[in-house]
Protein backbone atom coordinates (compact mmCIF):
# COMPACT_ATOMS: atom_id res chain seq x y z
CA UNK A 1 -11.40 -96.71 57.10
CA UNK A 2 -12.61 -99.50 54.85
CA UNK A 3 -16.08 -100.45 53.80
CA UNK A 4 -17.97 -103.25 52.29
CA UNK A 5 -20.87 -103.24 50.29
CA UNK A 6 -22.18 -107.14 50.30
CA UNK A 7 -25.26 -108.27 47.69
CA UNK A 8 -26.79 -111.06 46.38
CA UNK A 9 -28.38 -113.10 49.44
CA UNK A 10 -31.79 -114.08 49.64
CA UNK A 11 -34.08 -116.90 49.67
CA UNK A 12 -33.62 -119.69 46.99
CA UNK A 13 -35.37 -122.76 46.53
CA UNK A 14 -33.04 -125.92 46.98
CA UNK A 15 -31.42 -126.72 43.71
CA UNK A 16 -31.07 -123.15 42.88
CA UNK A 17 -28.14 -120.66 42.68
CA UNK A 18 -27.29 -117.59 44.01
CA UNK A 19 -24.49 -114.91 42.99
CA UNK A 20 -22.94 -112.91 46.07
CA UNK A 21 -21.06 -109.86 45.53
CA UNK A 22 -18.49 -107.92 47.99
CA UNK A 23 -16.87 -104.45 47.22
CA UNK A 24 -14.51 -102.75 49.48
CA UNK A 25 -13.73 -99.19 49.37
CA UNK A 26 -12.30 -96.62 51.39
CA UNK A 27 -8.83 -95.59 52.46
CA UNK A 28 -7.36 -98.74 50.64
CA UNK A 29 -3.59 -99.08 49.46
CA UNK A 30 -3.90 -102.65 48.64
CA UNK A 31 -6.15 -105.67 48.92
CA UNK A 32 -4.29 -109.26 49.36
CA UNK A 33 -6.62 -112.25 49.68
CA UNK A 34 -10.37 -112.31 49.63
CA UNK A 35 -13.01 -114.79 50.68
CA UNK A 36 -16.11 -115.88 51.86
CA UNK A 37 -16.98 -117.34 55.13
CA UNK A 38 -20.44 -118.52 56.65
CA UNK A 39 -22.10 -119.02 59.91
CA UNK A 40 -25.27 -121.24 60.34
CA UNK A 41 -27.21 -120.69 63.81
CA UNK A 42 -25.67 -122.52 66.33
CA UNK A 43 -22.77 -123.20 64.29
CA UNK A 44 -19.08 -121.88 64.03
CA UNK A 45 -18.43 -119.63 61.33
CA UNK A 46 -16.89 -121.89 58.30
CA UNK A 47 -14.74 -121.29 55.26
CA UNK A 48 -16.28 -121.09 52.13
CA UNK A 49 -13.60 -119.70 49.44
CA UNK A 50 -10.73 -117.58 49.38
CA UNK A 51 -9.04 -116.02 46.50
CA UNK A 52 -5.33 -114.24 46.26
CA UNK A 53 -4.75 -111.19 44.44
CA UNK A 54 -3.15 -113.35 41.45
CA UNK A 55 -6.50 -115.65 41.49
CA UNK A 56 -5.23 -118.51 43.41
CA UNK A 57 -8.33 -120.30 44.91
CA UNK A 58 -9.02 -122.52 47.88
CA UNK A 59 -12.10 -124.02 48.78
CA UNK A 60 -13.56 -125.38 52.02
CA UNK A 61 -15.57 -128.71 52.36
CA UNK A 62 -19.13 -126.85 52.71
CA UNK A 63 -19.57 -125.91 49.07
CA UNK A 64 -16.75 -127.51 47.36
CA UNK A 65 -17.64 -128.58 43.84
CA UNK A 66 -20.84 -126.49 43.77
CA UNK A 67 -19.11 -122.82 44.18
CA UNK A 68 -16.59 -120.60 42.11
CA UNK A 69 -15.12 -118.00 43.84
CA UNK A 70 -13.60 -114.80 41.57
CA UNK A 71 -12.48 -111.33 41.75
CA UNK A 72 -12.46 -107.83 40.03
CA UNK A 73 -9.23 -106.23 41.05
CA UNK A 74 -9.97 -103.12 39.67
CA UNK A 75 -13.51 -102.80 41.41
CA UNK A 76 -11.61 -104.50 44.80
CA UNK A 77 -14.72 -106.88 44.66
CA UNK A 78 -15.11 -110.32 45.14
CA UNK A 79 -18.12 -112.99 43.86
CA UNK A 80 -19.37 -116.35 44.96
CA UNK A 81 -21.35 -118.20 42.61
CA UNK A 82 -23.27 -120.91 44.30
CA UNK A 83 -24.87 -123.50 42.39
CA UNK A 84 -27.12 -126.68 43.66
CA UNK A 85 -28.12 -125.29 47.13
CA UNK A 86 -29.28 -127.44 49.96
CA UNK A 87 -31.16 -126.10 52.65
CA UNK A 88 -27.97 -126.95 54.47
CA UNK A 89 -26.32 -123.96 53.07
CA UNK A 90 -28.68 -121.63 54.94
CA UNK A 91 -26.49 -119.09 56.75
CA UNK A 92 -25.31 -116.00 56.93
CA UNK A 93 -22.19 -115.36 54.29
CA UNK A 94 -19.46 -112.79 55.48
CA UNK A 95 -17.11 -111.02 53.00
CA UNK A 96 -13.60 -111.41 54.28
CA UNK A 97 -10.77 -109.27 52.92
CA UNK A 98 -6.88 -108.92 53.88
CA UNK A 99 -6.49 -105.19 53.37
CA UNK A 100 -3.18 -102.40 53.91
CA UNK A 101 -4.94 -99.19 54.22
CA UNK A 102 -3.10 -95.88 52.76
CA UNK A 103 -0.55 -94.71 54.85
CA UNK A 104 -0.48 -97.82 57.32
CA UNK A 105 2.27 -100.31 56.90
CA UNK A 106 0.79 -103.35 58.18
CA UNK A 107 -2.32 -105.51 56.72
CA UNK A 108 -5.23 -106.62 58.58
CA UNK A 109 -8.45 -108.58 57.84
CA UNK A 110 -11.77 -106.82 57.42
CA UNK A 111 -15.23 -108.14 57.48
CA UNK A 112 -18.46 -107.25 55.66
CA UNK A 113 -21.72 -106.83 57.68
CA UNK A 114 -23.02 -110.32 56.37
CA UNK A 115 -25.67 -111.53 53.93
CA UNK A 116 -28.42 -113.95 54.56
CA UNK A 117 -28.74 -116.73 52.56
CA UNK A 118 -31.84 -119.25 52.75
CA UNK A 119 -32.33 -122.21 51.15
CA UNK A 120 -36.11 -123.62 51.53
CA UNK A 121 -39.14 -124.45 49.43
């Protein structure tokens, strides 16, 4: 089994910054791409950013230019630094990772439980 620990969400004023982190643990053989998605009330889940195990990054339009994704492969952890936050960035942010478990041939996508980010004055 794979577990995630997400942290770093909370309430921030417009223009502020937050850093999210997500650590994967469990019976992990290898972690491939990791990323962040978000879902606001009444809206579909959307891509924020992804990063491969070799550091190649891809950003969605929502936070492009205001966010940086990074990872620590030794810790199976992905980070998302968000700056210049706006009220429309309010959403639940979900960690995602493509993982191959020990003793399993295939890779699967796993999701964290989500962390709430609220941007409000």
